Amino acid sequence: MTEIRQYETTYIVTPDLSPEEYTAIVEKFNDLLKNNGCETVNQEVWGFKKLAYPINRKNSGYYVYTEFSGPAEFLEKLEREYLYDERVMRHLTVKLDKHAVAFNKRRLEKQRGYEPAQQ
């Protein structure tokens, strides 16, 4: 039986795309997650941002952050898809430990306006 783990991934898409093309890339990676047995916990489309340093002579890009749970074997496939898609300038995927999962849950609740129960 495969172990389900929690991950977060962030990728930067080239700024030369139309909004429709950018949306298609986000949907492509969301479908990849769904079709491989992963569950999206949280997704934040940060949008168009300036880069800290130029990448391929580009100074900006579209940022997408996704937190998901899925099998460890899937990561290799996800990384390969990022590398094959020339529109993805950079990507980073990390496995979350229990402390990071708890922090992300609190952060998400705070964003959505939920207050934790006082004890």
C-alpha atoms as a PDB file:
ATOM      1  CA  MET A   1       0.000   0.000   0.000  1.00  0.00           C
ATOM      2  CA  THR A   2       1.312   3.417  -0.885  1.00  0.00           C
ATOM      3  CA  GLU A   3       1.666   6.030   1.781  1.00  0.00           C
ATOM      4  CA  ILE A   4      -0.219   9.291   1.253  1.00  0.00           C
ATOM      5  CA  ARG A   5       1.858  12.338   2.139  1.00  0.00           C
ATOM      6  CA  GLN A   6       1.243  16.068   2.194  1.00  0.00           C
ATOM      7  CA  TYR A   7       3.166  18.329  -0.220  1.00  0.00           C
ATOM      8  CA  GLU A   8       3.232  21.894  -1.401  1.00  0.00           C
ATOM      9  CA  THR A   9       4.390  22.980  -4.816  1.00  0.00           C
ATOM     10  CA  THR A  10       4.990  26.407  -6.291  1.00  0.00           C
ATOM     11  CA  TYR A  11       5.670  27.072  -9.940  1.00  0.00           C
ATOM     12  CA  ILE A  12       6.330  30.186 -12.008  1.00  0.00           C
ATOM     13  CA  VAL A  13       4.907  30.448 -15.512  1.00  0.00           C
ATOM     14  CA  THR A  14       6.410  32.648 -18.213  1.00  0.00           C
ATOM     15  CA  PRO A  15       4.777  36.109 -18.485  1.00  0.00           C
ATOM     16  CA  ASP A  16       4.452  35.943 -22.302  1.00  0.00           C
ATOM     17  CA  LEU A  17       1.111  34.122 -22.154  1.00  0.00           C
ATOM     18  CA  SER A  18      -2.429  35.303 -22.592  1.00  0.00           C
ATOM     19  CA  PRO A  19      -4.777  34.888 -19.605  1.00  0.00           C
ATOM     20  CA  GLU A  20      -6.428  31.931 -21.364  1.00  0.00           C
ATOM     21  CA  GLU A  21      -3.078  30.153 -21.855  1.00  0.00           C
ATOM     22  CA  TYR A  22      -2.124  30.822 -18.241  1.00  0.00           C
ATOM     23  CA  THR A  23      -5.454  29.414 -17.024  1.00  0.00           C
ATOM     24  CA  ALA A  24      -4.945  26.358 -19.246  1.00  0.00           C
ATOM     25  CA  ILE A  25      -1.580  25.640 -17.594  1.00  0.00           C
ATOM     26  CA  VAL A  26      -3.082  25.868 -14.098  1.00  0.00           C
ATOM     27  CA  GLU A  27      -5.899  23.526 -15.164  1.00  0.00           C
ATOM     28  CA  LYS A  28      -3.370  21.138 -16.745  1.00  0.00           C
ATOM     29  CA  PHE A  29      -1.479  20.715 -13.473  1.00  0.00           C
ATOM     30  CA  ASN A  30      -4.715  20.535 -11.436  1.00  0.00           C
ATOM     31  CA  ASP A  31      -5.952  17.741 -13.728  1.00  0.00           C
ATOM     32  CA  LEU A  32      -2.595  15.976 -13.390  1.00  0.00           C
ATOM     33  CA  LEU A  33      -3.005  15.988  -9.605  1.00  0.00           C
ATOM     34  CA  LYS A  34      -6.613  14.802  -9.733  1.00  0.00           C
ATOM     35  CA  ASN A  35      -5.944  12.047 -12.306  1.00  0.00           C
ATOM     36  CA  ASN A  36      -3.123  10.585 -10.209  1.00  0.00           C
ATOM     37  CA  GLY A  37      -5.019  10.150  -6.965  1.00  0.00           C
ATOM     38  CA  CYS A  38      -4.045  13.428  -5.322  1.00  0.00           C
ATOM     39  CA  GLU A  39      -6.342  15.698  -3.365  1.00  0.00           C
ATOM     40  CA  THR A  40      -5.850  19.466  -3.514  1.00  0.00           C
ATOM     41  CA  VAL A  41      -5.965  20.907   0.002  1.00  0.00           C
ATOM     42  CA  ASN A  42      -5.401  24.544  -0.946  1.00  0.00           C
ATOM     43  CA  GLN A  43      -4.497  26.468  -4.070  1.00  0.00           C
ATOM     44  CA  GLU A  44      -3.517  30.103  -4.272  1.00  0.00           C
ATOM     45  CA  VAL A  45      -3.024  31.738  -7.640  1.00  0.00           C
ATOM     46  CA  TRP A  46      -0.721  34.581  -6.683  1.00  0.00           C
ATOM     47  CA  GLY A  47      -0.789  36.000 -10.190  1.00  0.00           C
ATOM     48  CA  PHE A  48       1.699  38.252 -11.930  1.00  0.00           C
ATOM     49  CA  LYS A  49       4.724  39.168  -9.789  1.00  0.00           C
ATOM     50  CA  LYS A  50       8.184  40.616 -10.285  1.00  0.00           C
ATOM     51  CA  LEU A  51      11.000  38.084  -9.936  1.00  0.00           C
ATOM     52  CA  ALA A  52      13.862  38.543  -7.477  1.00  0.00           C
ATOM     53  CA  TYR A  53      16.302  37.983 -10.343  1.00  0.00           C
ATOM     54  CA  PRO A  54      15.906  37.486 -14.107  1.00  0.00           C
ATOM     55  CA  ILE A  55      15.146  33.970 -15.377  1.00  0.00           C
ATOM     56  CA  ASN A  56      15.680  33.411 -19.108  1.00  0.00           C
ATOM     57  CA  ARG A  57      15.850  37.196 -19.541  1.00  0.00           C
ATOM     58  CA  LYS A  58      12.408  37.630 -17.994  1.00  0.00           C
ATOM     59  CA  ASN A  59      11.849  39.832 -14.956  1.00  0.00           C
ATOM     60  CA  SER A  60       8.339  38.685 -14.001  1.00  0.00           C
ATOM     61  CA  GLY A  61       6.068  35.654 -14.068  1.00  0.00           C
ATOM     62  CA  TYR A  62       2.779  34.141 -12.937  1.00  0.00           C
ATOM     63  CA  TYR A  63       3.001  32.362  -9.571  1.00  0.00           C
ATOM     64  CA  VAL A  64       0.840  29.407  -8.516  1.00  0.00           C
ATOM     65  CA  TYR A  65       0.976  27.708  -5.085  1.00  0.00           C
ATOM     66  CA  THR A  66      -0.753  24.370  -4.482  1.00  0.00           C
ATOM     67  CA  GLU A  67      -0.899  22.275  -1.318  1.00  0.00           C
ATOM     68  CA  PHE A  68      -1.948  18.675  -1.946  1.00  0.00           C
ATOM     69  CA  SER A  69      -1.866  15.161  -0.536  1.00  0.00           C
ATOM     70  CA  GLY A  70      -0.904  12.190  -2.667  1.00  0.00           C
ATOM     71  CA  PRO A  71       1.307   9.133  -3.129  1.00  0.00           C
ATOM     72  CA  ALA A  72       5.073   9.596  -3.047  1.00  0.00           C
ATOM     73  CA  GLU A  73       5.444   7.860  -6.430  1.00  0.00           C
ATOM     74  CA  PHE A  74       3.549  10.713  -8.077  1.00  0.00           C
ATOM     75  CA  LEU A  75       6.251  13.299  -7.363  1.00  0.00           C
ATOM     76  CA  GLU A  76       8.539  11.954 -10.064  1.00  0.00           C
ATOM     77  CA  LYS A  77       5.759  12.323 -12.635  1.00  0.00           C
ATOM     78  CA  LEU A  78       4.936  15.866 -11.458  1.00  0.00           C
ATOM     79  CA  GLU A  79       8.582  16.957 -11.623  1.00  0.00           C
ATOM     80  CA  ARG A  80       8.910  15.492 -15.118  1.00  0.00           C
ATOM     81  CA  GLU A  81       5.825  17.389 -16.302  1.00  0.00           C
ATOM     82  CA  TYR A  82       7.256  20.651 -14.935  1.00  0.00           C
ATOM     83  CA  LEU A  83      10.520  20.035 -16.789  1.00  0.00           C
ATOM     84  CA  TYR A  84       8.809  19.091 -20.064  1.00  0.00           C
ATOM     85  CA  ASP A  85       6.563  22.161 -20.104  1.00  0.00           C
ATOM     86  CA  GLU A  86       8.734  24.969 -21.459  1.00  0.00           C
ATOM     87  CA  ARG A  87       6.259  27.570 -20.171  1.00  0.00           C
ATOM     88  CA  VAL A  88       7.182  26.714 -16.556  1.00  0.00           C
ATOM     89  CA  MET A  89      10.259  28.782 -15.681  1.00  0.00           C
ATOM     90  CA  ARG A  90      10.852  27.443 -12.145  1.00  0.00           C
ATOM     91  CA  HIS A  91       9.202  25.016  -9.754  1.00  0.00           C
ATOM     92  CA  LEU A  92       9.699  23.760  -6.219  1.00  0.00           C
ATOM     93  CA  THR A  93       7.899  20.890  -4.471  1.00  0.00           C
ATOM     94  CA  VAL A  94       8.476  20.016  -0.823  1.00  0.00           C
ATOM     95  CA  LYS A  95       7.118  17.343   1.509  1.00  0.00           C
ATOM     96  CA  LEU A  96       5.425  18.791   4.581  1.00  0.00           C
ATOM     97  CA  ASP A  97       5.980  17.452   8.075  1.00  0.00           C
ATOM     98  CA  LYS A  98       3.244  17.503  10.723  1.00  0.00           C
ATOM     99  CA  HIS A  99       4.271  20.962  11.959  1.00  0.00           C
ATOM    100  CA  ALA A 100       4.105  22.485   8.477  1.00  0.00           C
ATOM    101  CA  VAL A 101       0.701  20.882   7.868  1.00  0.00           C
ATOM    102  CA  ALA A 102      -0.613  22.359  11.138  1.00  0.00           C
ATOM    103  CA  PHE A 103       0.850  25.778  10.283  1.00  0.00           C
ATOM    104  CA  ASN A 104      -0.705  25.746   6.799  1.00  0.00           C
ATOM    105  CA  LYS A 105      -4.074  24.758   8.274  1.00  0.00           C
ATOM    106  CA  ARG A 106      -3.966  27.663  10.755  1.00  0.00           C
ATOM    107  CA  ARG A 107      -2.851  30.071   8.007  1.00  0.00           C
ATOM    108  CA  LEU A 108      -5.692  28.949   5.728  1.00  0.00           C
ATOM    109  CA  GLU A 109      -8.281  29.295   8.506  1.00  0.00           C
ATOM    110  CA  LYS A 110      -7.008  32.789   9.275  1.00  0.00           C
ATOM    111  CA  GLN A 111      -7.225  33.758   5.581  1.00  0.00           C
ATOM    112  CA  ARG A 112     -10.782  32.514   5.355  1.00  0.00           C
ATOM    113  CA  GLY A 113     -11.792  34.356   8.516  1.00  0.00           C
ATOM    114  CA  TYR A 114     -12.161  31.435  10.921  1.00  0.00           C
ATOM    115  CA  GLU A 115     -11.126  32.034  14.492  1.00  0.00           C
ATOM    116  CA  PRO A 116      -9.730  29.063  16.425  1.00  0.00           C
ATOM    117  CA  ALA A 117     -11.738  28.011  19.453  1.00  0.00           C
ATOM    118  CA  GLN A 118     -10.452  29.525  22.692  1.00  0.00           C
ATOM    119  CA  GLN A 119      -9.634  27.085  25.468  1.00  0.00           C
END
